[in-house]
mmCIF file of all heavy atoms, coordinates in Angstrom:
data_MODEL
# 
_entry.id   MODEL 
# 
loop_
_atom_site.group_PDB 
_atom_site.id 
_atom_site.type_symbol 
_atom_site.label_atom_id 
_atom_site.label_alt_id 
_atom_site.label_comp_id 
_atom_site.label_asym_id 
_atom_site.label_entity_id 
_atom_site.label_seq_id 
_atom_site.pdbx_PDB_ins_code 
_atom_site.Cartn_x 
_atom_site.Cartn_y 
_atom_site.Cartn_z 
_atom_site.occupancy 
_atom_site.B_iso_or_equiv 
_atom_site.pdbx_formal_charge 
_atom_site.auth_seq_id 
_atom_site.auth_comp_id 
_atom_site.auth_asym_id 
_atom_site.auth_atom_id 
_atom_site.pdbx_PDB_model_num 
ATOM 1   N N   . MET A 1 1  ? -10.370 -18.706 4.223   1.00 0.00 ? 1  MET A N   1 
ATOM 2   C CA  . MET A 1 1  ? -11.272 -19.124 3.280   1.00 0.00 ? 1  MET A CA  1 
ATOM 3   C C   . MET A 1 1  ? -12.372 -17.998 2.936   1.00 0.00 ? 1  MET A C   1 
ATOM 4   O O   . MET A 1 1  ? -12.845 -17.454 3.899   1.00 0.00 ? 1  MET A O   1 
ATOM 5   C CB  . MET A 1 1  ? -11.979 -20.391 3.559   1.00 0.00 ? 1  MET A CB  1 
ATOM 6   C CG  . MET A 1 1  ? -12.985 -20.924 2.581   1.00 0.00 ? 1  MET A CG  1 
ATOM 7   S SD  . MET A 1 1  ? -13.687 -22.506 2.992   1.00 0.00 ? 1  MET A SD  1 
ATOM 8   C CE  . MET A 1 1  ? -14.728 -22.768 1.659   1.00 0.00 ? 1  MET A CE  1 
ATOM 9   N N   . ASP A 1 2  ? -12.557 -17.632 1.777   1.00 0.00 ? 2  ASP A N   1 
ATOM 10  C CA  . ASP A 1 2  ? -13.580 -16.660 1.370   1.00 0.00 ? 2  ASP A CA  1 
ATOM 11  C C   . ASP A 1 2  ? -14.994 -17.237 1.132   1.00 0.00 ? 2  ASP A C   1 
ATOM 12  O O   . ASP A 1 2  ? -15.167 -17.970 0.225   1.00 0.00 ? 2  ASP A O   1 
ATOM 13  C CB  . ASP A 1 2  ? -13.051 -15.868 0.215   1.00 0.00 ? 2  ASP A CB  1 
ATOM 14  C CG  . ASP A 1 2  ? -13.905 -14.660 -0.145  1.00 0.00 ? 2  ASP A CG  1 
ATOM 15  O OD1 . ASP A 1 2  ? -14.799 -14.339 0.730   1.00 0.00 ? 2  ASP A OD1 1 
ATOM 16  O OD2 . ASP A 1 2  ? -13.885 -13.974 -1.216  1.00 0.00 ? 2  ASP A OD2 1 
ATOM 17  N N   . ASN A 1 3  ? -15.876 -16.831 2.057   1.00 0.00 ? 3  ASN A N   1 
ATOM 18  C CA  . ASN A 1 3  ? -17.287 -17.433 1.916   1.00 0.00 ? 3  ASN A CA  1 
ATOM 19  C C   . ASN A 1 3  ? -18.175 -16.415 1.377   1.00 0.00 ? 3  ASN A C   1 
ATOM 20  O O   . ASN A 1 3  ? -19.409 -16.443 1.603   1.00 0.00 ? 3  ASN A O   1 
ATOM 21  C CB  . ASN A 1 3  ? -17.733 -17.885 3.309   1.00 0.00 ? 3  ASN A CB  1 
ATOM 22  C CG  . ASN A 1 3  ? -17.006 -19.141 3.755   1.00 0.00 ? 3  ASN A CG  1 
ATOM 23  O OD1 . ASN A 1 3  ? -16.655 -19.938 3.024   1.00 0.00 ? 3  ASN A OD1 1 
ATOM 24  N ND2 . ASN A 1 3  ? -16.700 -19.161 5.048   1.00 0.00 ? 3  ASN A ND2 1 
ATOM 25  N N   . SER A 1 4  ? -17.635 -15.342 0.831   1.00 0.00 ? 4  SER A N   1 
ATOM 26  C CA  . SER A 1 4  ? -18.595 -14.247 0.297   1.00 0.00 ? 4  SER A CA  1 
ATOM 27  C C   . SER A 1 4  ? -19.334 -14.590 -1.019  1.00 0.00 ? 4  SER A C   1 
ATOM 28  O O   . SER A 1 4  ? -18.811 -15.453 -1.729  1.00 0.00 ? 4  SER A O   1 
ATOM 29  C CB  . SER A 1 4  ? -17.653 -12.966 0.077   1.00 0.00 ? 4  SER A CB  1 
ATOM 30  O OG  . SER A 1 4  ? -16.800 -13.189 -0.943  1.00 0.00 ? 4  SER A OG  1 
ATOM 31  N N   . GLU A 1 5  ? -20.462 -13.903 -1.099  1.00 0.00 ? 5  GLU A N   1 
ATOM 32  C CA  . GLU A 1 5  ? -21.145 -14.042 -2.284  1.00 0.00 ? 5  GLU A CA  1 
ATOM 33  C C   . GLU A 1 5  ? -21.648 -12.629 -2.862  1.00 0.00 ? 5  GLU A C   1 
ATOM 34  O O   . GLU A 1 5  ? -21.836 -11.674 -2.087  1.00 0.00 ? 5  GLU A O   1 
ATOM 35  C CB  . GLU A 1 5  ? -22.570 -14.818 -2.055  1.00 0.00 ? 5  GLU A CB  1 
ATOM 36  C CG  . GLU A 1 5  ? -22.360 -16.309 -1.637  1.00 0.00 ? 5  GLU A CG  1 
ATOM 37  C CD  . GLU A 1 5  ? -23.760 -16.813 -1.390  1.00 0.00 ? 5  GLU A CD  1 
ATOM 38  O OE1 . GLU A 1 5  ? -24.223 -16.711 -0.315  1.00 0.00 ? 5  GLU A OE1 1 
ATOM 39  O OE2 . GLU A 1 5  ? -24.198 -17.586 -2.291  1.00 0.00 ? 5  GLU A OE2 1 
ATOM 40  N N   . PHE A 1 6  ? -21.834 -12.643 -4.104  1.00 0.00 ? 6  PHE A N   1 
ATOM 41  C CA  . PHE A 1 6  ? -22.161 -11.296 -4.700  1.00 0.00 ? 6  PHE A CA  1 
ATOM 42  C C   . PHE A 1 6  ? -23.727 -11.295 -5.154  1.00 0.00 ? 6  PHE A C   1 
ATOM 43  O O   . PHE A 1 6  ? -24.085 -12.263 -5.682  1.00 0.00 ? 6  PHE A O   1 
ATOM 44  C CB  . PHE A 1 6  ? -21.381 -10.871 -5.842  1.00 0.00 ? 6  PHE A CB  1 
ATOM 45  C CG  . PHE A 1 6  ? -19.990 -10.440 -5.565  1.00 0.00 ? 6  PHE A CG  1 
ATOM 46  C CD1 . PHE A 1 6  ? -18.968 -11.438 -5.511  1.00 0.00 ? 6  PHE A CD1 1 
ATOM 47  C CD2 . PHE A 1 6  ? -19.746 -9.131  -5.174  1.00 0.00 ? 6  PHE A CD2 1 
ATOM 48  C CE1 . PHE A 1 6  ? -17.575 -10.981 -5.177  1.00 0.00 ? 6  PHE A CE1 1 
ATOM 49  C CE2 . PHE A 1 6  ? -18.413 -8.791  -4.787  1.00 0.00 ? 6  PHE A CE2 1 
ATOM 50  C CZ  . PHE A 1 6  ? -17.410 -9.676  -4.839  1.00 0.00 ? 6  PHE A CZ  1 
ATOM 51  N N   . PHE A 1 7  ? -24.367 -10.200 -4.894  1.00 0.00 ? 7  PHE A N   1 
ATOM 52  C CA  . PHE A 1 7  ? -25.773 -10.157 -5.430  1.00 0.00 ? 7  PHE A CA  1 
ATOM 53  C C   . PHE A 1 7  ? -25.908 -8.904  -6.057  1.00 0.00 ? 7  PHE A C   1 
ATOM 54  O O   . PHE A 1 7  ? -25.411 -7.788  -5.683  1.00 0.00 ? 7  PHE A O   1 
ATOM 55  C CB  . PHE A 1 7  ? -26.875 -10.153 -4.190  1.00 0.00 ? 7  PHE A CB  1 
ATOM 56  C CG  . PHE A 1 7  ? -26.674 -11.435 -3.495  1.00 0.00 ? 7  PHE A CG  1 
ATOM 57  C CD1 . PHE A 1 7  ? -25.874 -11.623 -2.321  1.00 0.00 ? 7  PHE A CD1 1 
ATOM 58  C CD2 . PHE A 1 7  ? -27.390 -12.640 -3.786  1.00 0.00 ? 7  PHE A CD2 1 
ATOM 59  C CE1 . PHE A 1 7  ? -25.822 -12.790 -1.611  1.00 0.00 ? 7  PHE A CE1 1 
ATOM 60  C CE2 . PHE A 1 7  ? -27.403 -13.811 -3.067  1.00 0.00 ? 7  PHE A CE2 1 
ATOM 61  C CZ  . PHE A 1 7  ? -26.547 -13.820 -1.939  1.00 0.00 ? 7  PHE A CZ  1 
ATOM 62  N N   . VAL A 1 8  ? -26.660 -8.807  -7.231  1.00 0.00 ? 8  VAL A N   1 
ATOM 63  C CA  . VAL A 1 8  ? -26.863 -7.604  -8.021  1.00 0.00 ? 8  VAL A CA  1 
ATOM 64  C C   . VAL A 1 8  ? -28.252 -7.307  -8.215  1.00 0.00 ? 8  VAL A C   1 
ATOM 65  O O   . VAL A 1 8  ? -29.036 -8.104  -8.664  1.00 0.00 ? 8  VAL A O   1 
ATOM 66  C CB  . VAL A 1 8  ? -26.171 -7.745  -9.462  1.00 0.00 ? 8  VAL A CB  1 
ATOM 67  C CG1 . VAL A 1 8  ? -26.331 -6.457  -10.348 1.00 0.00 ? 8  VAL A CG1 1 
ATOM 68  C CG2 . VAL A 1 8  ? -24.671 -8.228  -9.245  1.00 0.00 ? 8  VAL A CG2 1 
ATOM 69  N N   . GLY A 1 9  ? -28.789 -6.166  -7.712  1.00 0.00 ? 9  GLY A N   1 
ATOM 70  C CA  . GLY A 1 9  ? -30.071 -5.843  -7.785  1.00 0.00 ? 9  GLY A CA  1 
ATOM 71  C C   . GLY A 1 9  ? -30.339 -4.784  -8.967  1.00 0.00 ? 9  GLY A C   1 
ATOM 72  O O   . GLY A 1 9  ? -29.508 -3.830  -9.131  1.00 0.00 ? 9  GLY A O   1 
ATOM 73  N N   . LEU A 1 10 ? -31.374 -5.088  -9.714  1.00 0.00 ? 10 LEU A N   1 
ATOM 74  C CA  . LEU A 1 10 ? -31.594 -4.098  -10.946 1.00 0.00 ? 10 LEU A CA  1 
ATOM 75  C C   . LEU A 1 10 ? -33.007 -3.556  -10.697 1.00 0.00 ? 10 LEU A C   1 
ATOM 76  O O   . LEU A 1 10 ? -34.055 -4.238  -10.795 1.00 0.00 ? 10 LEU A O   1 
ATOM 77  C CB  . LEU A 1 10 ? -31.534 -4.976  -12.241 1.00 0.00 ? 10 LEU A CB  1 
ATOM 78  C CG  . LEU A 1 10 ? -32.035 -4.407  -13.505 1.00 0.00 ? 10 LEU A CG  1 
ATOM 79  C CD1 . LEU A 1 10 ? -31.140 -3.113  -13.720 1.00 0.00 ? 10 LEU A CD1 1 
ATOM 80  C CD2 . LEU A 1 10 ? -32.007 -5.310  -14.621 1.00 0.00 ? 10 LEU A CD2 1 
ATOM 81  N N   . ASP A 1 11 ? -33.057 -2.156  -10.543 1.00 0.00 ? 11 ASP A N   1 
ATOM 82  C CA  . ASP A 1 11 ? -34.247 -1.510  -10.397 1.00 0.00 ? 11 ASP A CA  1 
ATOM 83  C C   . ASP A 1 11 ? -34.459 -0.693  -11.732 1.00 0.00 ? 11 ASP A C   1 
ATOM 84  O O   . ASP A 1 11 ? -33.728 0.256   -12.028 1.00 0.00 ? 11 ASP A O   1 
ATOM 85  C CB  . ASP A 1 11 ? -34.139 -0.520  -9.201  1.00 0.00 ? 11 ASP A CB  1 
ATOM 86  C CG  . ASP A 1 11 ? -35.181 0.512   -9.080  1.00 0.00 ? 11 ASP A CG  1 
ATOM 87  O OD1 . ASP A 1 11 ? -36.260 0.234   -9.658  1.00 0.00 ? 11 ASP A OD1 1 
ATOM 88  O OD2 . ASP A 1 11 ? -35.130 1.397   -8.466  1.00 0.00 ? 11 ASP A OD2 1 
ATOM 89  N N   . ILE A 1 12 ? -35.469 -1.089  -12.364 1.00 0.00 ? 12 ILE A N   1 
ATOM 90  C CA  . ILE A 1 12 ? -35.843 -0.509  -13.774 1.00 0.00 ? 12 ILE A CA  1 
ATOM 91  C C   . ILE A 1 12 ? -36.948 0.569   -13.415 1.00 0.00 ? 12 ILE A C   1 
ATOM 92  O O   . ILE A 1 12 ? -38.062 0.209   -13.426 1.00 0.00 ? 12 ILE A O   1 
ATOM 93  C CB  . ILE A 1 12 ? -36.190 -1.439  -14.855 1.00 0.00 ? 12 ILE A CB  1 
ATOM 94  C CG1 . ILE A 1 12 ? -35.191 -2.532  -14.965 1.00 0.00 ? 12 ILE A CG1 1 
ATOM 95  C CG2 . ILE A 1 12 ? -36.663 -0.799  -16.134 1.00 0.00 ? 12 ILE A CG2 1 
ATOM 96  C CD1 . ILE A 1 12 ? -35.554 -3.693  -15.976 1.00 0.00 ? 12 ILE A CD1 1 
ATOM 97  N N   . GLY A 1 13 ? -36.565 1.825   -13.349 1.00 0.00 ? 13 GLY A N   1 
ATOM 98  C CA  . GLY A 1 13 ? -37.560 2.855   -12.993 1.00 0.00 ? 13 GLY A CA  1 
ATOM 99  C C   . GLY A 1 13 ? -37.917 3.742   -14.179 1.00 0.00 ? 13 GLY A C   1 
ATOM 100 O O   . GLY A 1 13 ? -37.268 3.533   -15.263 1.00 0.00 ? 13 GLY A O   1 
ATOM 101 N N   . THR A 1 14 ? -38.871 4.622   -13.972 1.00 0.00 ? 14 THR A N   1 
ATOM 102 C CA  . THR A 1 14 ? -39.342 5.467   -15.063 1.00 0.00 ? 14 THR A CA  1 
ATOM 103 C C   . THR A 1 14 ? -38.294 6.512   -15.522 1.00 0.00 ? 14 THR A C   1 
ATOM 104 O O   . THR A 1 14 ? -38.081 6.711   -16.605 1.00 0.00 ? 14 THR A O   1 
ATOM 105 C CB  . THR A 1 14 ? -40.666 6.137   -14.683 1.00 0.00 ? 14 THR A CB  1 
ATOM 106 O OG1 . THR A 1 14 ? -41.662 5.147   -14.401 1.00 0.00 ? 14 THR A OG1 1 
ATOM 107 C CG2 . THR A 1 14 ? -41.182 6.979   -15.787 1.00 0.00 ? 14 THR A CG2 1 
ATOM 108 N N   . ASN A 1 15 ? -37.664 7.056   -14.414 1.00 0.00 ? 15 ASN A N   1 
ATOM 109 C CA  . ASN A 1 15 ? -36.621 8.019   -14.746 1.00 0.00 ? 15 ASN A CA  1 
ATOM 110 C C   . ASN A 1 15 ? -35.196 7.524   -14.718 1.00 0.00 ? 15 ASN A C   1 
ATOM 111 O O   . ASN A 1 15 ? -34.285 8.090   -15.421 1.00 0.00 ? 15 ASN A O   1 
ATOM 112 C CB  . ASN A 1 15 ? -36.702 9.225   -13.661 1.00 0.00 ? 15 ASN A CB  1 
ATOM 113 C CG  . ASN A 1 15 ? -37.655 10.287  -14.225 1.00 0.00 ? 15 ASN A CG  1 
ATOM 114 O OD1 . ASN A 1 15 ? -38.271 10.203  -15.182 1.00 0.00 ? 15 ASN A OD1 1 
ATOM 115 N ND2 . ASN A 1 15 ? -37.855 11.345  -13.340 1.00 0.00 ? 15 ASN A ND2 1 
ATOM 116 N N   . SER A 1 16 ? -34.973 6.493   -14.010 1.00 0.00 ? 16 SER A N   1 
ATOM 117 C CA  . SER A 1 16 ? -33.571 6.029   -13.994 1.00 0.00 ? 16 SER A CA  1 
ATOM 118 C C   . SER A 1 16 ? -33.468 4.553   -13.725 1.00 0.00 ? 16 SER A C   1 
ATOM 119 O O   . SER A 1 16 ? -34.412 3.939   -13.255 1.00 0.00 ? 16 SER A O   1 
ATOM 120 C CB  . SER A 1 16 ? -32.693 6.728   -12.830 1.00 0.00 ? 16 SER A CB  1 
ATOM 121 O OG  . SER A 1 16 ? -33.319 6.402   -11.597 1.00 0.00 ? 16 SER A OG  1 
ATOM 122 N N   . ILE A 1 17 ? -32.458 3.953   -14.272 1.00 0.00 ? 17 ILE A N   1 
ATOM 123 C CA  . ILE A 1 17 ? -32.247 2.434   -13.994 1.00 0.00 ? 17 ILE A CA  1 
ATOM 124 C C   . ILE A 1 17 ? -30.982 2.407   -13.011 1.00 0.00 ? 17 ILE A C   1 
ATOM 125 O O   . ILE A 1 17 ? -29.961 2.802   -13.225 1.00 0.00 ? 17 ILE A O   1 
ATOM 126 C CB  . ILE A 1 17 ? -31.920 1.761   -15.304 1.00 0.00 ? 17 ILE A CB  1 
ATOM 127 C CG1 . ILE A 1 17 ? -33.149 1.767   -16.135 1.00 0.00 ? 17 ILE A CG1 1 
ATOM 128 C CG2 . ILE A 1 17 ? -31.369 0.306   -15.045 1.00 0.00 ? 17 ILE A CG2 1 
ATOM 129 C CD1 . ILE A 1 17 ? -32.965 1.160   -17.618 1.00 0.00 ? 17 ILE A CD1 1 
ATOM 130 N N   . LYS A 1 18 ? -31.210 1.656   -11.852 1.00 0.00 ? 18 LYS A N   1 
ATOM 131 C CA  . LYS A 1 18 ? -30.116 1.667   -10.843 1.00 0.00 ? 18 LYS A CA  1 
ATOM 132 C C   . LYS A 1 18 ? -29.732 0.180   -10.743 1.00 0.00 ? 18 LYS A C   1 
ATOM 133 O O   . LYS A 1 18 ? -30.650 -0.723  -10.662 1.00 0.00 ? 18 LYS A O   1 
ATOM 134 C CB  . LYS A 1 18 ? -30.768 2.137   -9.537  1.00 0.00 ? 18 LYS A CB  1 
ATOM 135 C CG  . LYS A 1 18 ? -31.031 3.715   -9.689  1.00 0.00 ? 18 LYS A CG  1 
ATOM 136 C CD  . LYS A 1 18 ? -31.490 4.282   -8.292  1.00 0.00 ? 18 LYS A CD  1 
ATOM 137 C CE  . LYS A 1 18 ? -31.704 5.751   -8.304  1.00 0.00 ? 18 LYS A CE  1 
ATOM 138 N NZ  . LYS A 1 18 ? -32.686 6.227   -9.350  1.00 0.00 ? 18 LYS A NZ  1 
ATOM 139 N N   . VAL A 1 19 ? -28.495 -0.071  -10.590 1.00 0.00 ? 19 VAL A N   1 
ATOM 140 C CA  . VAL A 1 19 ? -27.821 -1.309  -10.280 1.00 0.00 ? 19 VAL A CA  1 
ATOM 141 C C   . VAL A 1 19 ? -27.118 -1.253  -9.062  1.00 0.00 ? 19 VAL A C   1 
ATOM 142 O O   . VAL A 1 19 ? -26.253 -0.378  -8.840  1.00 0.00 ? 19 VAL A O   1 
ATOM 143 C CB  . VAL A 1 19 ? -26.998 -1.808  -11.450 1.00 0.00 ? 19 VAL A CB  1 
ATOM 144 C CG1 . VAL A 1 19 ? -26.237 -3.093  -11.242 1.00 0.00 ? 19 VAL A CG1 1 
ATOM 145 C CG2 . VAL A 1 19 ? -27.699 -1.744  -12.732 1.00 0.00 ? 19 VAL A CG2 1 
ATOM 146 N N   . VAL A 1 20 ? -27.418 -2.114  -8.134  1.00 0.00 ? 20 VAL A N   1 
ATOM 147 C CA  . VAL A 1 20 ? -26.737 -2.196  -6.761  1.00 0.00 ? 20 VAL A CA  1 
ATOM 148 C C   . VAL A 1 20 ? -26.014 -3.604  -6.701  1.00 0.00 ? 20 VAL A C   1 
ATOM 149 O O   . VAL A 1 20 ? -26.605 -4.565  -6.787  1.00 0.00 ? 20 VAL A O   1 
ATOM 150 C CB  . VAL A 1 20 ? -27.605 -2.015  -5.722  1.00 0.00 ? 20 VAL A CB  1 
ATOM 151 C CG1 . VAL A 1 20 ? -27.085 -2.105  -4.312  1.00 0.00 ? 20 VAL A CG1 1 
ATOM 152 C CG2 . VAL A 1 20 ? -28.319 -0.661  -5.672  1.00 0.00 ? 20 VAL A CG2 1 
ATOM 153 N N   . VAL A 1 21 ? -24.734 -3.602  -6.426  1.00 0.00 ? 21 VAL A N   1 
ATOM 154 C CA  . VAL A 1 21 ? -23.919 -4.702  -6.233  1.00 0.00 ? 21 VAL A CA  1 
ATOM 155 C C   . VAL A 1 21 ? -23.585 -4.760  -4.693  1.00 0.00 ? 21 VAL A C   1 
ATOM 156 O O   . VAL A 1 21 ? -23.018 -3.893  -4.093  1.00 0.00 ? 21 VAL A O   1 
ATOM 157 C CB  . VAL A 1 21 ? -22.661 -4.712  -7.081  1.00 0.00 ? 21 VAL A CB  1 
ATOM 158 C CG1 . VAL A 1 21 ? -21.938 -5.974  -6.894  1.00 0.00 ? 21 VAL A CG1 1 
ATOM 159 C CG2 . VAL A 1 21 ? -23.008 -4.522  -8.513  1.00 0.00 ? 21 VAL A CG2 1 
ATOM 160 N N   . ALA A 1 22 ? -23.851 -5.944  -4.124  1.00 0.00 ? 22 ALA A N   1 
ATOM 161 C CA  . ALA A 1 22 ? -23.582 -6.064  -2.620  1.00 0.00 ? 22 ALA A CA  1 
ATOM 162 C C   . ALA A 1 22 ? -22.814 -7.419  -2.541  1.00 0.00 ? 22 ALA A C   1 
ATOM 163 O O   . ALA A 1 22 ? -23.176 -8.397  -3.169  1.00 0.00 ? 22 ALA A O   1 
ATOM 164 C CB  . ALA A 1 22 ? -24.823 -6.016  -1.885  1.00 0.00 ? 22 ALA A CB  1 
ATOM 165 N N   . GLU A 1 23 ? -22.007 -7.418  -1.530  1.00 0.00 ? 23 GLU A N   1 
ATOM 166 C CA  . GLU A 1 23 ? -21.140 -8.700  -1.136  1.00 0.00 ? 23 GLU A CA  1 
ATOM 167 C C   . GLU A 1 23 ? -21.715 -9.245  0.210   1.00 0.00 ? 23 GLU A C   1 
ATOM 168 O O   . GLU A 1 23 ? -21.589 -8.408  1.269   1.00 0.00 ? 23 GLU A O   1 
ATOM 169 C CB  . GLU A 1 23 ? -19.637 -8.340  -1.243  1.00 0.00 ? 23 GLU A CB  1 
ATOM 170 C CG  . GLU A 1 23 ? -18.921 -9.658  -0.818  1.00 0.00 ? 23 GLU A CG  1 
ATOM 171 C CD  . GLU A 1 23 ? -17.435 -9.293  -0.917  1.00 0.00 ? 23 GLU A CD  1 
ATOM 172 O OE1 . GLU A 1 23 ? -17.088 -8.012  -0.814  1.00 0.00 ? 23 GLU A OE1 1 
ATOM 173 O OE2 . GLU A 1 23 ? -16.577 -10.185 -0.937  1.00 0.00 ? 23 GLU A OE2 1 
ATOM 174 N N   . ALA A 1 24 ? -22.145 -10.357 0.222   1.00 0.00 ? 24 ALA A N   1 
ATOM 175 C CA  . ALA A 1 24 ? -22.625 -10.908 1.499   1.00 0.00 ? 24 ALA A CA  1 
ATOM 176 C C   . ALA A 1 24 ? -21.428 -11.797 2.119   1.00 0.00 ? 24 ALA A C   1 
ATOM 177 O O   . ALA A 1 24 ? -20.926 -12.699 1.454   1.00 0.00 ? 24 ALA A O   1 
ATOM 178 C CB  . ALA A 1 24 ? -23.769 -11.818 1.373   1.00 0.00 ? 24 ALA A CB  1 
ATOM 179 N N   . SER A 1 25 ? -20.975 -11.457 3.295   1.00 0.00 ? 25 SER A N   1 
ATOM 180 C CA  . SER A 1 25 ? -19.954 -12.086 4.053   1.00 0.00 ? 25 SER A CA  1 
ATOM 181 C C   . SER A 1 25 ? -20.043 -11.939 5.393   1.00 0.00 ? 25 SER A C   1 
ATOM 182 O O   . SER A 1 25 ? -20.384 -10.885 5.928   1.00 0.00 ? 25 SER A O   1 
ATOM 183 C CB  . SER A 1 25 ? -18.603 -11.492 3.591   1.00 0.00 ? 25 SER A CB  1 
ATOM 184 O OG  . SER A 1 25 ? -17.540 -12.161 4.170   1.00 0.00 ? 25 SER A OG  1 
ATOM 185 N N   . ASP A 1 26 ? -19.969 -13.153 6.136   1.00 0.00 ? 26 ASP A N   1 
ATOM 186 C CA  . ASP A 1 26 ? -20.148 -13.095 7.591   1.00 0.00 ? 26 ASP A CA  1 
ATOM 187 C C   . ASP A 1 26 ? -21.302 -12.487 8.143   1.00 0.00 ? 26 ASP A C   1 
ATOM 188 O O   . ASP A 1 26 ? -21.341 -11.549 8.980   1.00 0.00 ? 26 ASP A O   1 
ATOM 189 C CB  . ASP A 1 26 ? -18.820 -12.416 8.275   1.00 0.00 ? 26 ASP A CB  1 
ATOM 190 C CG  . ASP A 1 26 ? -17.516 -13.076 7.892   1.00 0.00 ? 26 ASP A CG  1 
ATOM 191 O OD1 . ASP A 1 26 ? -17.507 -14.370 7.678   1.00 0.00 ? 26 ASP A OD1 1 
ATOM 192 O OD2 . ASP A 1 26 ? -16.597 -12.456 7.710   1.00 0.00 ? 26 ASP A OD2 1 
ATOM 193 N N   . ASP A 1 27 ? -22.421 -12.771 7.553   1.00 0.00 ? 27 ASP A N   1 
ATOM 194 C CA  . ASP A 1 27 ? -23.807 -12.342 8.009   1.00 0.00 ? 27 ASP A CA  1 
ATOM 195 C C   . ASP A 1 27 ? -23.856 -10.816 7.842   1.00 0.00 ? 27 ASP A C   1 
ATOM 196 O O   . ASP A 1 27 ? -24.815 -10.229 8.521   1.00 0.00 ? 27 ASP A O   1 
ATOM 197 C CB  . ASP A 1 27 ? -24.112 -12.749 9.381   1.00 0.00 ? 27 ASP A CB  1 
ATOM 198 C CG  . ASP A 1 27 ? -24.267 -14.263 9.566   1.00 0.00 ? 27 ASP A CG  1 
ATOM 199 O OD1 . ASP A 1 27 ? -24.795 -14.812 8.582   1.00 0.00 ? 27 ASP A OD1 1 
ATOM 200 O OD2 . ASP A 1 27 ? -23.941 -14.735 10.586  1.00 0.00 ? 27 ASP A OD2 1 
# 
């Protein structure tokens, strides 16, 4: 069984915009 979750962080900066995708699974 897959208990993973996805989280997406959006950092809106002056010079660059960064998007980080992370998968949380098994702590």
